[in-house]
Structures are given as C-alpha cells and as structure tokens.
C-alpha cells in the first residue's frame, strides 16, 4: 500500500511509512513541513514568506492585514460587536465570547 497527502496529511503519510514500513511500501508527502519539527527551519519561515509575497503585490498589503487583525482584536473585546463579526465573516452562529472570536 502507498499512502499520500499534502501538508499535514503529507506528514502523516511520511510518519506512517517510517513507523510501519512493513505495511506501507511508499509514501508521497507533498508540501509536508516535516523539517519544522527538527528545528531546521525557523518557526517564522511561513509568516515571513507569506508577508513578502503580500508585500510584492502591494507594499501596503501587510500593513493593511495587520491593521485588520488589530481591528478584529478590538472588536473581540466588545460583545455588542459579535453580531457584526458573524455577519462580516458569514459565520453560522454569533460568537458567544472572546474565545470564539
């Protein structure tokens, strides 16, 4: 049997192959961030790459994204804003507390 997956599923595939080589003859681990676990890659690598990509599209893009998260953090503290948050993000239910936001 050969297993495969992408991202987290890819890591699971690789680990299955390593743990049970007598069961799995092969594993395809596409985009699996396995090296993050051994400290070969900075924990900030994904964020840095994504931020640089956004910056290439528009210099203000990372600034706007950060500001958006800051606004959401402020709204999280105001229970009267939860209905607006549910509407904006098309949530199935209105958040009942800050942890749900």
PDB file of N, CA and C in Angstrom:
ATOM      1  N   UNK A   1       0.848  -1.176   0.000  1.00  0.00           N
ATOM      2  CA  UNK A   1       0.000   0.000   0.000  1.00  0.00           C
ATOM      3  C   UNK A   1       0.893   1.237   0.000  1.00  0.00           C
ATOM      4  N   UNK A   2       0.496   2.244  -0.739  1.00  0.00           N
ATOM      5  CA  UNK A   2       1.198   3.522  -0.786  1.00  0.00           C
ATOM      6  C   UNK A   2       0.247   4.588  -0.252  1.00  0.00           C
ATOM      7  N   UNK A   3       0.744   5.426   0.626  1.00  0.00           N
ATOM      8  CA  UNK A   3      -0.064   6.490   1.207  1.00  0.00           C
ATOM      9  C   UNK A   3       0.433   7.829   0.692  1.00  0.00           C
ATOM     10  N   UNK A   4      -0.404   8.825   0.753  1.00  0.00           N
ATOM     11  CA  UNK A   4      -0.014  10.142   0.283  1.00  0.00           C
ATOM     12  C   UNK A   4      -0.865  11.222   0.907  1.00  0.00           C
ATOM     13  N   UNK A   5      -0.358  12.408   0.849  1.00  0.00           N
ATOM     14  CA  UNK A   5      -1.117  13.535   1.360  1.00  0.00           C
ATOM     15  C   UNK A   5      -0.321  14.813   1.183  1.00  0.00           C
ATOM     16  N   UNK A   6      -0.981  15.917   1.435  1.00  0.00           N
ATOM     17  CA  UNK A   6      -0.353  17.220   1.325  1.00  0.00           C
ATOM     18  C   UNK A   6      -0.407  17.948   2.646  1.00  0.00           C
ATOM     19  N   UNK A   7       0.602  18.710   2.922  1.00  0.00           N
ATOM     20  CA  UNK A   7       0.722  19.493   4.135  1.00  0.00           C
ATOM     21  C   UNK A   7       0.698  18.545   5.339  1.00  0.00           C
ATOM     22  N   UNK A   8      -0.255  18.722   6.251  1.00  0.00           N
ATOM     23  CA  UNK A   8      -0.318  17.862   7.437  1.00  0.00           C
ATOM     24  C   UNK A   8      -0.540  16.405   7.036  1.00  0.00           C
ATOM     25  N   UNK A   9      -1.398  16.174   6.049  1.00  0.00           N
ATOM     26  CA  UNK A   9      -1.622  14.814   5.567  1.00  0.00           C
ATOM     27  C   UNK A   9      -0.350  14.203   4.996  1.00  0.00           C
ATOM     28  N   UNK A  10       0.492  15.020   4.420  1.00  0.00           N
ATOM     29  CA  UNK A  10       1.771  14.546   3.920  1.00  0.00           C
ATOM     30  C   UNK A  10       2.691  14.123   5.049  1.00  0.00           C
ATOM     31  N   UNK A  11       2.681  14.882   6.129  1.00  0.00           N
ATOM     32  CA  UNK A  11       3.481  14.495   7.286  1.00  0.00           C
ATOM     33  C   UNK A  11       2.999  13.163   7.844  1.00  0.00           C
ATOM     34  N   UNK A  12       1.675  13.018   7.940  1.00  0.00           N
ATOM     35  CA  UNK A  12       1.127  11.752   8.432  1.00  0.00           C
ATOM     36  C   UNK A  12       1.535  10.596   7.529  1.00  0.00           C
ATOM     37  N   UNK A  13       1.519  10.814   6.235  1.00  0.00           N
ATOM     38  CA  UNK A  13       1.921   9.777   5.280  1.00  0.00           C
ATOM     39  C   UNK A  13       3.368   9.354   5.514  1.00  0.00           C
ATOM     40  N   UNK A  14       4.249  10.335   5.637  1.00  0.00           N
ATOM     41  CA  UNK A  14       5.666  10.036   5.856  1.00  0.00           C
ATOM     42  C   UNK A  14       5.864   9.307   7.181  1.00  0.00           C
ATOM     43  N   UNK A  15       5.187   9.758   8.211  1.00  0.00           N
ATOM     44  CA  UNK A  15       5.338   9.114   9.512  1.00  0.00           C
ATOM     45  C   UNK A  15       4.796   7.682   9.499  1.00  0.00           C
ATOM     46  N   UNK A  16       3.692   7.468   8.789  1.00  0.00           N
ATOM     47  CA  UNK A  16       3.168   6.101   8.660  1.00  0.00           C
ATOM     48  C   UNK A  16       4.195   5.190   8.001  1.00  0.00           C
ATOM     49  N   UNK A  17       4.806   5.666   6.945  1.00  0.00           N
ATOM     50  CA  UNK A  17       5.811   4.873   6.236  1.00  0.00           C
ATOM     51  C   UNK A  17       7.000   4.573   7.142  1.00  0.00           C
ATOM     52  N   UNK A  18       7.443   5.591   7.919  1.00  0.00           N
ATOM     53  CA  UNK A  18       8.585   5.374   8.812  1.00  0.00           C
ATOM     54  C   UNK A  18       8.246   4.416   9.956  1.00  0.00           C
ATOM     55  N   UNK A  19       7.046   4.547  10.488  1.00  0.00           N
ATOM     56  CA  UNK A  19       6.647   3.730  11.644  1.00  0.00           C
ATOM     57  C   UNK A  19       6.263   2.310  11.243  1.00  0.00           C
ATOM     58  N   UNK A  20       5.642   2.155  10.086  1.00  0.00           N
ATOM     59  CA  UNK A  20       5.143   0.848   9.647  1.00  0.00           C
ATOM     60  C   UNK A  20       5.630   0.511   8.238  1.00  0.00           C
ATOM     61  N   UNK A  21       6.947   0.380   8.032  1.00  0.00           N
ATOM     62  CA  UNK A  21       7.444   0.104   6.688  1.00  0.00           C
ATOM     63  C   UNK A  21       7.005  -1.261   6.146  1.00  0.00           C
ATOM     64  N   UNK A  22       6.633  -2.157   7.050  1.00  0.00           N
ATOM     65  CA  UNK A  22       6.166  -3.474   6.624  1.00  0.00           C
ATOM     66  C   UNK A  22       4.734  -3.424   6.095  1.00  0.00           C
ATOM     67  N   UNK A  23       4.022  -2.347   6.374  1.00  0.00           N
ATOM     68  CA  UNK A  23       2.633  -2.198   5.909  1.00  0.00           C
ATOM     69  C   UNK A  23       2.569  -1.282   4.687  1.00  0.00           C
ATOM     70  N   UNK A  24       3.341  -0.200   4.711  1.00  0.00           N
ATOM     71  CA  UNK A  24       3.293   0.798   3.657  1.00  0.00           C
ATOM     72  C   UNK A  24       4.569   0.753   2.821  1.00  0.00           C
ATOM     73  N   UNK A  25       4.430   0.465   1.557  1.00  0.00           N
ATOM     74  CA  UNK A  25       5.586   0.342   0.668  1.00  0.00           C
ATOM     75  C   UNK A  25       6.109   1.701   0.197  1.00  0.00           C
ATOM     76  N   UNK A  26       5.294   2.716   0.309  1.00  0.00           N
ATOM     77  CA  UNK A  26       5.724   4.032  -0.120  1.00  0.00           C
ATOM     78  C   UNK A  26       4.845   5.117   0.472  1.00  0.00           C
ATOM     79  N   UNK A  27       5.350   6.340   0.416  1.00  0.00           N
ATOM     80  CA  UNK A  27       4.602   7.488   0.912  1.00  0.00           C
ATOM     81  C   UNK A  27       4.941   8.704   0.060  1.00  0.00           C
ATOM     82  N   UNK A  28       3.932   9.451  -0.307  1.00  0.00           N
ATOM     83  CA  UNK A  28       4.117  10.705  -1.018  1.00  0.00           C
ATOM     84  C   UNK A  28       3.732  11.822  -0.057  1.00  0.00           C
ATOM     85  N   UNK A  29       4.717  12.599   0.346  1.00  0.00           N
ATOM     86  CA  UNK A  29       4.490  13.677   1.304  1.00  0.00           C
ATOM     87  C   UNK A  29       4.646  15.007   0.584  1.00  0.00           C
ATOM     88  N   UNK A  30       3.571  15.496  -0.013  1.00  0.00           N
ATOM     89  CA  UNK A  30       3.609  16.746  -0.769  1.00  0.00           C
ATOM     90  C   UNK A  30       3.442  17.937   0.173  1.00  0.00           C
ATOM     91  N   UNK A  31       4.313  18.897   0.051  1.00  0.00           N
ATOM     92  CA  UNK A  31       4.262  20.127   0.852  1.00  0.00           C
ATOM     93  C   UNK A  31       4.195  19.845   2.345  1.00  0.00           C
ATOM     94  N   UNK A  32       4.830  18.788   2.782  1.00  0.00           N
ATOM     95  CA  UNK A  32       4.810  18.423   4.195  1.00  0.00           C
ATOM     96  C   UNK A  32       5.927  19.153   4.942  1.00  0.00           C
ATOM     97  N   UNK A  33       5.577  19.983   5.926  1.00  0.00           N
ATOM     98  CA  UNK A  33       6.603  20.761   6.642  1.00  0.00           C
ATOM     99  C   UNK A  33       7.303  19.955   7.737  1.00  0.00           C
ATOM    100  N   UNK A  34       7.806  18.797   7.402  1.00  0.00           N
ATOM    101  CA  UNK A  34       8.429  17.911   8.381  1.00  0.00           C
ATOM    102  C   UNK A  34       9.649  18.558   9.034  1.00  0.00           C
ATOM    103  N   UNK A  35      10.414  19.317   8.277  1.00  0.00           N
ATOM    104  CA  UNK A  35      11.633  19.902   8.827  1.00  0.00           C
ATOM    105  C   UNK A  35      11.366  20.937   9.918  1.00  0.00           C
ATOM    106  N   UNK A  36      10.137  21.426  10.027  1.00  0.00           N
ATOM    107  CA  UNK A  36       9.814  22.363  11.095  1.00  0.00           C
ATOM    108  C   UNK A  36       9.990  21.704  12.462  1.00  0.00           C
ATOM    109  N   UNK A  37       9.772  20.399  12.534  1.00  0.00           N
ATOM    110  CA  UNK A  37       9.824  19.708  13.817  1.00  0.00           C
ATOM    111  C   UNK A  37      11.244  19.484  14.315  1.00  0.00           C
ATOM    112  N   UNK A  38      12.206  19.446  13.439  1.00  0.00           N
ATOM    113  CA  UNK A  38      13.586  19.198  13.847  1.00  0.00           C
ATOM    114  C   UNK A  38      14.400  20.465  14.025  1.00  0.00           C
ATOM    115  N   UNK A  39      13.784  21.626  13.869  1.00  0.00           N
ATOM    116  CA  UNK A  39      14.479  22.879  14.059  1.00  0.00           C
ATOM    117  C   UNK A  39      15.351  23.304  12.893  1.00  0.00           C
ATOM    118  N   UNK A  40      15.195  22.661  11.745  1.00  0.00           N
ATOM    119  CA  UNK A  40      15.972  23.049  10.563  1.00  0.00           C
ATOM    120  C   UNK A  40      15.452  24.334   9.936  1.00  0.00           C
ATOM    121  N   UNK A  41      14.204  24.634  10.205  1.00  0.00           N
ATOM    122  CA  UNK A  41      13.557  25.793   9.599  1.00  0.00           C
ATOM    123  C   UNK A  41      13.040  26.695  10.715  1.00  0.00           C
ATOM    124  N   UNK A  42      13.173  27.977  10.543  1.00  0.00           N
ATOM    125  CA  UNK A  42      12.683  28.942  11.528  1.00  0.00           C
ATOM    126  C   UNK A  42      11.169  28.806  11.685  1.00  0.00           C
ATOM    127  N   UNK A  43      10.669  28.872  12.908  1.00  0.00           N
ATOM    128  CA  UNK A  43       9.222  28.808  13.110  1.00  0.00           C
ATOM    129  C   UNK A  43       8.479  29.962  12.432  1.00  0.00           C
ATOM    130  N   UNK A  44       9.200  31.031  12.098  1.00  0.00           N
ATOM    131  CA  UNK A  44       8.596  32.193  11.448  1.00  0.00           C
ATOM    132  C   UNK A  44       8.697  32.130   9.928  1.00  0.00           C
ATOM    133  N   UNK A  45       9.242  31.055   9.386  1.00  0.00           N
ATOM    134  CA  UNK A  45       9.506  30.971   7.947  1.00  0.00           C
ATOM    135  C   UNK A  45       8.241  31.173   7.120  1.00  0.00           C
ATOM    136  N   UNK A  46       7.159  30.496   7.471  1.00  0.00           N
ATOM    137  CA  UNK A  46       5.928  30.623   6.679  1.00  0.00           C
ATOM    138  C   UNK A  46       5.429  32.066   6.721  1.00  0.00           C
ATOM    139  N   UNK A  47       5.373  32.643   7.914  1.00  0.00           N
ATOM    140  CA  UNK A  47       4.887  34.020   8.039  1.00  0.00           C
ATOM    141  C   UNK A  47       5.757  34.987   7.240  1.00  0.00           C
ATOM    142  N   UNK A  48       7.069  34.788   7.295  1.00  0.00           N
ATOM    143  CA  UNK A  48       7.983  35.670   6.553  1.00  0.00           C
ATOM    144  C   UNK A  48       7.756  35.561   5.041  1.00  0.00           C
ATOM    145  N   UNK A  49       7.606  34.335   4.551  1.00  0.00           N
ATOM    146  CA  UNK A  49       7.396  34.130   3.116  1.00  0.00           C
ATOM    147  C   UNK A  49       6.057  34.721   2.680  1.00  0.00           C
ATOM    148  N   UNK A  50       5.006  34.462   3.463  1.00  0.00           N
ATOM    149  CA  UNK A  50       3.682  34.990   3.115  1.00  0.00           C
ATOM    150  C   UNK A  50       3.690  36.514   3.133  1.00  0.00           C
ATOM    151  N   UNK A  51       4.309  37.103   4.149  1.00  0.00           N
ATOM    152  CA  UNK A  51       4.378  38.567   4.240  1.00  0.00           C
ATOM    153  C   UNK A  51       5.118  39.151   3.048  1.00  0.00           C
ATOM    154  N   UNK A  52       6.232  38.531   2.659  1.00  0.00           N
ATOM    155  CA  UNK A  52       6.971  39.019   1.498  1.00  0.00           C
ATOM    156  C   UNK A  52       6.152  38.911   0.215  1.00  0.00           C
ATOM    157  N   UNK A  53       5.385  37.829   0.072  1.00  0.00           N
ATOM    158  CA  UNK A  53       4.514  37.693  -1.106  1.00  0.00           C
ATOM    159  C   UNK A  53       3.461  38.792  -1.141  1.00  0.00           C
ATOM    160  N   UNK A  54       2.830  39.059   0.010  1.00  0.00           N
ATOM    161  CA  UNK A  54       1.831  40.124   0.068  1.00  0.00           C
ATOM    162  C   UNK A  54       2.469  41.468  -0.264  1.00  0.00           C
ATOM    163  N   UNK A  55       3.688  41.702   0.259  1.00  0.00           N
ATOM    164  CA  UNK A  55       4.385  42.963   0.025  1.00  0.00           C
ATOM    165  C   UNK A  55       4.705  43.150  -1.461  1.00  0.00           C
ATOM    166  N   UNK A  56       5.036  42.050  -2.152  1.00  0.00           N
ATOM    167  CA  UNK A  56       5.315  42.126  -3.593  1.00  0.00           C
ATOM    168  C   UNK A  56       4.075  42.557  -4.368  1.00  0.00           C
ATOM    169  N   UNK A  57       2.907  42.125  -3.911  1.00  0.00           N
ATOM    170  CA  UNK A  57       1.666  42.502  -4.585  1.00  0.00           C
ATOM    171  C   UNK A  57       1.350  43.973  -4.349  1.00  0.00           C
ATOM    172  N   UNK A  58       1.571  44.426  -3.120  1.00  0.00           N
ATOM    173  CA  UNK A  58       1.297  45.816  -2.767  1.00  0.00           C
ATOM    174  C   UNK A  58       2.031  46.107  -1.461  1.00  0.00           C
ATOM    175  N   UNK A  59       2.831  47.123  -1.456  1.00  0.00           N
ATOM    176  CA  UNK A  59       3.655  47.466  -0.283  1.00  0.00           C
ATOM    177  C   UNK A  59       2.795  47.654   0.969  1.00  0.00           C
ATOM    178  N   UNK A  60       1.574  48.129   0.803  1.00  0.00           N
ATOM    179  CA  UNK A  60       0.688  48.383   1.942  1.00  0.00           C
ATOM    180  C   UNK A  60      -0.062  47.132   2.401  1.00  0.00           C
ATOM    181  N   UNK A  61      -0.028  46.070   1.616  1.00  0.00           N
ATOM    182  CA  UNK A  61      -0.814  44.880   1.933  1.00  0.00           C
ATOM    183  C   UNK A  61      -0.513  44.319   3.331  1.00  0.00           C
ATOM    184  N   UNK A  62       0.744  44.059   3.698  1.00  0.00           N
ATOM    185  CA  UNK A  62       0.995  43.543   5.050  1.00  0.00           C
ATOM    186  C   UNK A  62       0.535  44.504   6.146  1.00  0.00           C
ATOM    187  N   UNK A  63       0.676  45.800   5.880  1.00  0.00           N
ATOM    188  CA  UNK A  63       0.238  46.811   6.847  1.00  0.00           C
ATOM    189  C   UNK A  63      -1.274  46.728   7.030  1.00  0.00           C
ATOM    190  N   UNK A  64      -2.002  46.592   5.913  1.00  0.00           N
ATOM    191  CA  UNK A  64      -3.464  46.504   5.978  1.00  0.00           C
ATOM    192  C   UNK A  64      -3.930  45.218   6.664  1.00  0.00           C
ATOM    193  N   UNK A  65      -3.246  44.113   6.395  1.00  0.00           N
ATOM    194  CA  UNK A  65      -3.610  42.855   7.046  1.00  0.00           C
ATOM    195  C   UNK A  65      -3.412  42.962   8.553  1.00  0.00           C
ATOM    196  N   UNK A  66      -2.278  43.510   8.968  1.00  0.00           N
ATOM    197  CA  UNK A  66      -2.016  43.680  10.401  1.00  0.00           C
ATOM    198  C   UNK A  66      -3.071  44.578  11.041  1.00  0.00           C
ATOM    199  N   UNK A  67      -3.425  45.656  10.366  1.00  0.00           N
ATOM    200  CA  UNK A  67      -4.443  46.567  10.892  1.00  0.00           C
ATOM    201  C   UNK A  67      -5.790  45.861  11.009  1.00  0.00           C
ATOM    202  N   UNK A  68      -6.108  45.003  10.041  1.00  0.00           N
ATOM    203  CA  UNK A  68      -7.362  44.251  10.099  1.00  0.00           C
ATOM    204  C   UNK A  68      -7.420  43.329  11.300  1.00  0.00           C
ATOM    205  N   UNK A  69      -6.312  42.646  11.583  1.00  0.00           N
ATOM    206  CA  UNK A  69      -6.282  41.774  12.759  1.00  0.00           C
ATOM    207  C   UNK A  69      -6.375  42.588  14.047  1.00  0.00           C
ATOM    208  N   UNK A  70      -5.757  43.747  14.068  1.00  0.00           N
ATOM    209  CA  UNK A  70      -5.853  44.611  15.246  1.00  0.00           C
ATOM    210  C   UNK A  70      -7.292  45.075  15.462  1.00  0.00           C
ATOM    211  N   UNK A  71      -8.001  45.412  14.370  1.00  0.00           N
ATOM    212  CA  UNK A  71      -9.411  45.803  14.488  1.00  0.00           C
ATOM    213  C   UNK A  71     -10.240  44.647  15.016  1.00  0.00           C
ATOM    214  N   UNK A  72      -9.996  43.447  14.512  1.00  0.00           N
ATOM    215  CA  UNK A  72     -10.736  42.274  14.977  1.00  0.00           C
ATOM    216  C   UNK A  72     -10.462  42.024  16.458  1.00  0.00           C
ATOM    217  N   UNK A  73      -9.214  42.209  16.871  1.00  0.00           N
ATOM    218  CA  UNK A  73      -8.861  42.041  18.290  1.00  0.00           C
ATOM    219  C   UNK A  73      -9.620  43.058  19.149  1.00  0.00           C
ATOM    220  N   UNK A  74      -9.740  44.290  18.670  1.00  0.00           N
ATOM    221  CA  UNK A  74     -10.508  45.304  19.406  1.00  0.00           C
ATOM    222  C   UNK A  74     -11.987  44.931  19.471  1.00  0.00           C
ATOM    223  N   UNK A  75     -12.540  44.459  18.343  1.00  0.00           N
ATOM    224  CA  UNK A  75     -13.956  44.066  18.326  1.00  0.00           C
ATOM    225  C   UNK A  75     -14.223  42.872  19.234  1.00  0.00           C
ATOM    226  N   UNK A  76     -13.247  42.016  19.376  1.00  0.00           N
ATOM    227  CA  UNK A  76     -13.388  40.826  20.217  1.00  0.00           C
ATOM    228  C   UNK A  76     -13.690  41.195  21.665  1.00  0.00           C
ATOM    229  N   UNK A  77     -13.235  42.358  22.076  1.00  0.00           N
ATOM    230  CA  UNK A  77     -13.422  42.814  23.454  1.00  0.00           C
ATOM    231  C   UNK A  77     -14.797  43.439  23.689  1.00  0.00           C
ATOM    232  N   UNK A  78     -15.576  43.620  22.599  1.00  0.00           N
ATOM    233  CA  UNK A  78     -16.881  44.291  22.700  1.00  0.00           C
ATOM    234  C   UNK A  78     -17.981  43.313  22.301  1.00  0.00           C
ATOM    235  N   UNK A  79     -18.692  42.777  23.277  1.00  0.00           N
ATOM    236  CA  UNK A  79     -19.702  41.764  22.980  1.00  0.00           C
ATOM    237  C   UNK A  79     -20.802  42.282  22.057  1.00  0.00           C
ATOM    238  N   UNK A  80     -21.042  43.586  22.049  1.00  0.00           N
ATOM    239  CA  UNK A  80     -22.074  44.141  21.159  1.00  0.00           C
ATOM    240  C   UNK A  80     -21.660  44.077  19.685  1.00  0.00           C
ATOM    241  N   UNK A  81     -20.390  43.807  19.429  1.00  0.00           N
ATOM    242  CA  UNK A  81     -19.917  43.725  18.039  1.00  0.00           C
ATOM    243  C   UNK A  81     -19.966  42.305  17.481  1.00  0.00           C
ATOM    244  N   UNK A  82     -20.339  41.317  18.287  1.00  0.00           N
ATOM    245  CA  UNK A  82     -20.296  39.922  17.848  1.00  0.00           C
ATOM    246  C   UNK A  82     -21.239  39.634  16.677  1.00  0.00           C
ATOM    247  N   UNK A  83     -22.381  40.312  16.646  1.00  0.00           N
ATOM    248  CA  UNK A  83     -23.296  40.107  15.513  1.00  0.00           C
ATOM    249  C   UNK A  83     -22.684  40.648  14.225  1.00  0.00           C
ATOM    250  N   UNK A  84     -21.997  41.773  14.323  1.00  0.00           N
ATOM    251  CA  UNK A  84     -21.310  42.321  13.145  1.00  0.00           C
ATOM    252  C   UNK A  84     -20.215  41.370  12.667  1.00  0.00           C
ATOM    253  N   UNK A  85     -19.466  40.810  13.604  1.00  0.00           N
ATOM    254  CA  UNK A  85     -18.405  39.856  13.250  1.00  0.00           C
ATOM    255  C   UNK A  85     -19.015  38.639  12.546  1.00  0.00           C
ATOM    256  N   UNK A  86     -20.119  38.144  13.075  1.00  0.00           N
ATOM    257  CA  UNK A  86     -20.785  36.981  12.467  1.00  0.00           C
ATOM    258  C   UNK A  86     -21.239  37.312  11.046  1.00  0.00           C
ATOM    259  N   UNK A  87     -21.742  38.520  10.832  1.00  0.00           N
ATOM    260  CA  UNK A  87     -22.202  38.930   9.503  1.00  0.00           C
ATOM    261  C   UNK A  87     -21.030  39.095   8.531  1.00  0.00           C
ATOM    262  N   UNK A  88     -19.990  39.779   8.983  1.00  0.00           N
ATOM    263  CA  UNK A  88     -18.825  40.045   8.127  1.00  0.00           C
ATOM    264  C   UNK A  88     -18.174  38.747   7.664  1.00  0.00           C
ATOM    265  N   UNK A  89     -18.029  37.776   8.572  1.00  0.00           N
ATOM    266  CA  UNK A  89     -17.353  36.521   8.245  1.00  0.00           C
ATOM    267  C   UNK A  89     -18.315  35.401   7.853  1.00  0.00           C
ATOM    268  N   UNK A  90     -19.611  35.761   7.742  1.00  0.00           N
ATOM    269  CA  UNK A  90     -20.632  34.797   7.333  1.00  0.00           C
ATOM    270  C   UNK A  90     -20.601  33.548   8.212  1.00  0.00           C
ATOM    271  N   UNK A  91     -20.558  33.760   9.526  1.00  0.00           N
ATOM    272  CA  UNK A  91     -20.500  32.655  10.472  1.00  0.00           C
ATOM    273  C   UNK A  91     -21.877  32.002  10.606  1.00  0.00           C
ATOM    274  N   UNK A  92     -21.879  30.741  10.974  1.00  0.00           N
ATOM    275  CA  UNK A  92     -23.145  30.019  11.179  1.00  0.00           C
ATOM    276  C   UNK A  92     -23.856  30.473  12.440  1.00  0.00           C
ATOM    277  N   UNK A  93     -23.075  30.920  13.432  1.00  0.00           N
ATOM    278  CA  UNK A  93     -23.646  31.372  14.692  1.00  0.00           C
ATOM    279  C   UNK A  93     -22.858  32.579  15.189  1.00  0.00           C
ATOM    280  N   UNK A  94     -23.519  33.400  15.960  1.00  0.00           N
ATOM    281  CA  UNK A  94     -22.867  34.574  16.546  1.00  0.00           C
ATOM    282  C   UNK A  94     -21.928  34.082  17.661  1.00  0.00           C
ATOM    283  N   UNK A  95     -20.699  34.550  17.702  1.00  0.00           N
ATOM    284  CA  UNK A  95     -19.779  34.131  18.774  1.00  0.00           C
ATOM    285  C   UNK A  95     -20.365  34.469  20.140  1.00  0.00           C
ATOM    286  N   UNK A  96     -20.154  33.573  21.085  1.00  0.00           N
ATOM    287  CA  UNK A  96     -20.726  33.787  22.428  1.00  0.00           C
ATOM    288  C   UNK A  96     -19.726  34.409  23.389  1.00  0.00           C
ATOM    289  N   UNK A  97     -18.477  34.544  22.981  1.00  0.00           N
ATOM    290  CA  UNK A  97     -17.481  35.128  23.849  1.00  0.00           C
ATOM    291  C   UNK A  97     -16.193  35.410  23.091  1.00  0.00           C
ATOM    292  N   UNK A  98     -15.260  36.082  23.775  1.00  0.00           N
ATOM    293  CA  UNK A  98     -13.999  36.442  23.108  1.00  0.00           C
ATOM    294  C   UNK A  98     -13.232  35.251  22.558  1.00  0.00           C
ATOM    295  N   UNK A  99     -13.255  34.128  23.232  1.00  0.00           N
ATOM    296  CA  UNK A  99     -12.514  32.958  22.758  1.00  0.00           C
ATOM    297  C   UNK A  99     -13.043  32.453  21.422  1.00  0.00           C
ATOM    298  N   UNK A 100     -14.329  32.614  21.177  1.00  0.00           N
ATOM    299  CA  UNK A 100     -14.908  32.168  19.909  1.00  0.00           C
ATOM    300  C   UNK A 100     -14.580  33.121  18.771  1.00  0.00           C
ATOM    301  N   UNK A 101     -14.337  34.379  19.086  1.00  0.00           N
ATOM    302  CA  UNK A 101     -13.962  35.333  18.040  1.00  0.00           C
ATOM    303  C   UNK A 101     -12.565  35.016  17.590  1.00  0.00           C
TER     304      UNK A 101
END
